[in-house]
């Protein structure tokens, strides 16, 4: 049975693992409302105008 001859250092171990756990940036799309056009996450309600799928879902206060 194979046994490691030396202990793997924490730096070497962490360098090997660093590329596997990188987070990806979320994709953004333009709001389909022609008056808004804000960047939003896909399949989410727009925080600027409150619309989703062409319908007003949330009323947004403009303060």
N, C-alpha and C. Protein backbone atom coordinates (compact mmCIF):
# COMPACT_ATOMS: atom_id res chain seq x y z
N UNK A 1 0.84 -1.18 0.00
CA UNK A 1 0.00 0.00 0.00
C UNK A 1 0.89 1.24 0.00
N UNK A 2 0.53 2.25 -0.83
CA UNK A 2 1.33 3.46 -0.94
C UNK A 2 1.12 4.36 0.27
N UNK A 3 2.21 4.83 0.83
CA UNK A 3 2.18 5.71 1.98
C UNK A 3 3.02 6.94 1.67
N UNK A 4 2.52 8.17 1.95
CA UNK A 4 3.31 9.36 1.67
C UNK A 4 4.59 9.39 2.50
N UNK A 5 5.68 9.78 1.84
CA UNK A 5 6.97 9.81 2.54
C UNK A 5 7.11 11.05 3.41
N UNK A 6 6.53 12.19 2.95
CA UNK A 6 6.61 13.45 3.68
C UNK A 6 5.21 14.03 3.86
N UNK A 7 5.05 14.84 4.89
CA UNK A 7 3.78 15.51 5.11
C UNK A 7 3.62 16.63 4.08
N UNK A 8 2.42 16.73 3.50
CA UNK A 8 2.14 17.81 2.57
C UNK A 8 1.88 19.09 3.36
N UNK A 9 2.59 20.16 3.04
CA UNK A 9 2.44 21.40 3.79
C UNK A 9 1.08 22.03 3.50
N UNK A 10 0.66 22.91 4.42
CA UNK A 10 -0.63 23.56 4.26
C UNK A 10 -0.65 24.45 3.02
N UNK A 11 0.47 25.11 2.73
CA UNK A 11 0.53 25.99 1.57
C UNK A 11 0.38 25.19 0.27
N UNK A 12 1.06 24.07 0.17
CA UNK A 12 0.99 23.23 -1.02
C UNK A 12 -0.43 22.64 -1.18
N UNK A 13 -1.00 22.22 -0.06
CA UNK A 13 -2.35 21.66 -0.08
C UNK A 13 -3.36 22.72 -0.52
N UNK A 14 -3.25 23.94 0.02
CA UNK A 14 -4.20 25.00 -0.29
C UNK A 14 -4.03 25.52 -1.71
N UNK A 15 -2.79 25.53 -2.23
CA UNK A 15 -2.58 25.92 -3.62
C UNK A 15 -3.29 24.97 -4.57
N UNK A 16 -3.26 23.70 -4.24
CA UNK A 16 -3.91 22.70 -5.08
C UNK A 16 -5.43 22.87 -5.06
N UNK A 17 -5.96 23.23 -3.92
CA UNK A 17 -7.41 23.35 -3.77
C UNK A 17 -7.97 24.71 -4.21
N UNK A 18 -7.12 25.69 -4.43
CA UNK A 18 -7.60 27.06 -4.64
C UNK A 18 -8.44 27.22 -5.89
N UNK A 19 -8.12 26.52 -6.97
CA UNK A 19 -8.82 26.75 -8.23
C UNK A 19 -10.17 26.07 -8.27
N UNK A 20 -10.44 25.12 -7.40
CA UNK A 20 -11.70 24.39 -7.46
C UNK A 20 -12.85 25.13 -6.80
N UNK A 21 -12.58 26.04 -5.88
CA UNK A 21 -13.65 26.64 -5.10
C UNK A 21 -13.95 28.09 -5.48
N UNK A 22 -13.50 28.53 -6.64
CA UNK A 22 -13.75 29.91 -7.04
C UNK A 22 -15.23 30.12 -7.34
N UNK A 23 -15.77 31.23 -6.85
CA UNK A 23 -17.16 31.57 -7.12
C UNK A 23 -17.27 32.27 -8.45
N UNK A 24 -18.36 32.02 -9.15
CA UNK A 24 -18.60 32.67 -10.43
C UNK A 24 -19.46 33.91 -10.20
N UNK A 25 -19.22 34.95 -10.98
CA UNK A 25 -20.03 36.15 -10.86
C UNK A 25 -21.42 35.87 -11.41
N UNK A 26 -22.46 36.42 -10.78
CA UNK A 26 -23.81 36.16 -11.29
C UNK A 26 -24.03 36.86 -12.63
N UNK A 27 -24.78 36.22 -13.50
CA UNK A 27 -25.07 36.83 -14.79
C UNK A 27 -26.16 37.88 -14.62
N UNK A 28 -26.09 38.94 -15.37
CA UNK A 28 -27.05 40.02 -15.29
C UNK A 28 -27.67 40.25 -16.67
N UNK A 29 -28.96 40.59 -16.68
CA UNK A 29 -29.66 40.91 -17.92
C UNK A 29 -30.35 42.25 -17.73
N UNK A 30 -30.70 42.90 -18.85
CA UNK A 30 -31.41 44.17 -18.77
C UNK A 30 -32.88 43.90 -18.47
N UNK A 31 -33.47 44.77 -17.69
CA UNK A 31 -34.90 44.68 -17.37
C UNK A 31 -35.69 44.84 -18.68
N UNK A 32 -36.67 43.96 -18.93
CA UNK A 32 -37.41 44.04 -20.20
C UNK A 32 -38.35 45.24 -20.29
N UNK A 33 -38.58 45.92 -19.18
CA UNK A 33 -39.41 47.12 -19.20
C UNK A 33 -38.68 48.20 -19.99
N UNK A 34 -39.28 48.74 -21.07
CA UNK A 34 -38.56 49.74 -21.89
C UNK A 34 -38.27 51.03 -21.14
N UNK A 35 -39.03 51.35 -20.10
CA UNK A 35 -38.79 52.58 -19.34
C UNK A 35 -37.69 52.40 -18.30
N UNK A 36 -37.38 51.16 -17.92
CA UNK A 36 -36.44 50.91 -16.83
C UNK A 36 -35.04 50.59 -17.38
N UNK A 37 -34.84 49.38 -17.90
CA UNK A 37 -33.56 48.99 -18.46
C UNK A 37 -32.46 48.74 -17.44
N UNK A 38 -32.81 48.55 -16.17
CA UNK A 38 -31.80 48.30 -15.14
C UNK A 38 -31.24 46.88 -15.28
N UNK A 39 -30.05 46.64 -14.76
CA UNK A 39 -29.46 45.31 -14.77
C UNK A 39 -29.99 44.52 -13.59
N UNK A 40 -30.56 43.33 -13.88
CA UNK A 40 -31.15 42.49 -12.85
C UNK A 40 -30.69 41.06 -13.06
N UNK A 41 -30.89 40.21 -12.04
CA UNK A 41 -30.61 38.79 -12.19
C UNK A 41 -31.74 38.16 -12.99
N UNK A 42 -31.44 37.16 -13.82
CA UNK A 42 -32.50 36.55 -14.62
C UNK A 42 -33.54 35.87 -13.74
N UNK A 43 -34.79 35.92 -14.17
CA UNK A 43 -35.92 35.28 -13.49
C UNK A 43 -36.15 35.84 -12.08
N UNK A 44 -35.90 37.14 -11.89
CA UNK A 44 -36.16 37.80 -10.62
C UNK A 44 -36.93 39.09 -10.88
N UNK A 45 -37.65 39.56 -9.87
CA UNK A 45 -38.38 40.82 -9.97
C UNK A 45 -37.38 41.97 -10.00
N UNK A 46 -37.63 42.93 -10.87
CA UNK A 46 -36.74 44.09 -10.97
C UNK A 46 -36.91 44.97 -9.73
N UNK A 47 -35.81 45.28 -9.01
CA UNK A 47 -35.94 46.12 -7.82
C UNK A 47 -36.22 47.59 -8.15
N UNK A 48 -35.96 48.01 -9.37
CA UNK A 48 -36.16 49.41 -9.76
C UNK A 48 -37.62 49.71 -10.09
N UNK A 49 -38.24 48.82 -10.91
CA UNK A 49 -39.61 49.10 -11.34
C UNK A 49 -40.63 48.10 -10.79
N UNK A 50 -40.20 46.96 -10.25
CA UNK A 50 -41.10 45.99 -9.64
C UNK A 50 -41.82 45.09 -10.63
N UNK A 51 -41.32 45.00 -11.86
CA UNK A 51 -41.99 44.19 -12.87
C UNK A 51 -41.32 42.83 -13.04
N UNK A 52 -42.15 41.84 -13.41
CA UNK A 52 -41.66 40.51 -13.75
C UNK A 52 -42.59 39.95 -14.81
N UNK A 53 -42.03 39.50 -15.91
CA UNK A 53 -42.78 38.89 -17.01
C UNK A 53 -43.86 39.85 -17.55
N UNK A 54 -43.55 41.14 -17.60
CA UNK A 54 -44.45 42.13 -18.15
C UNK A 54 -45.57 42.56 -17.22
N UNK A 55 -45.57 42.10 -15.97
CA UNK A 55 -46.61 42.45 -15.01
C UNK A 55 -45.98 43.12 -13.79
N UNK A 56 -46.70 44.07 -13.20
CA UNK A 56 -46.22 44.72 -11.98
C UNK A 56 -46.50 43.78 -10.81
N UNK A 57 -45.44 43.32 -10.15
CA UNK A 57 -45.55 42.39 -9.03
C UNK A 57 -45.43 43.12 -7.71
N UNK A 58 -44.50 44.06 -7.63
CA UNK A 58 -44.21 44.79 -6.40
C UNK A 58 -44.32 46.27 -6.69
N UNK A 59 -44.99 47.00 -5.80
CA UNK A 59 -45.02 48.45 -5.96
C UNK A 59 -43.77 49.03 -5.30
N UNK A 60 -43.05 49.85 -6.03
CA UNK A 60 -41.78 50.42 -5.56
C UNK A 60 -41.99 51.88 -5.21
N UNK A 61 -41.60 52.26 -4.01
CA UNK A 61 -41.69 53.66 -3.58
C UNK A 61 -40.50 54.42 -4.10
N UNK A 62 -40.73 55.57 -4.72
CA UNK A 62 -39.66 56.42 -5.20
C UNK A 62 -39.45 57.55 -4.19
N UNK A 63 -38.53 57.35 -3.26
CA UNK A 63 -38.26 58.36 -2.23
C UNK A 63 -37.06 59.19 -2.58
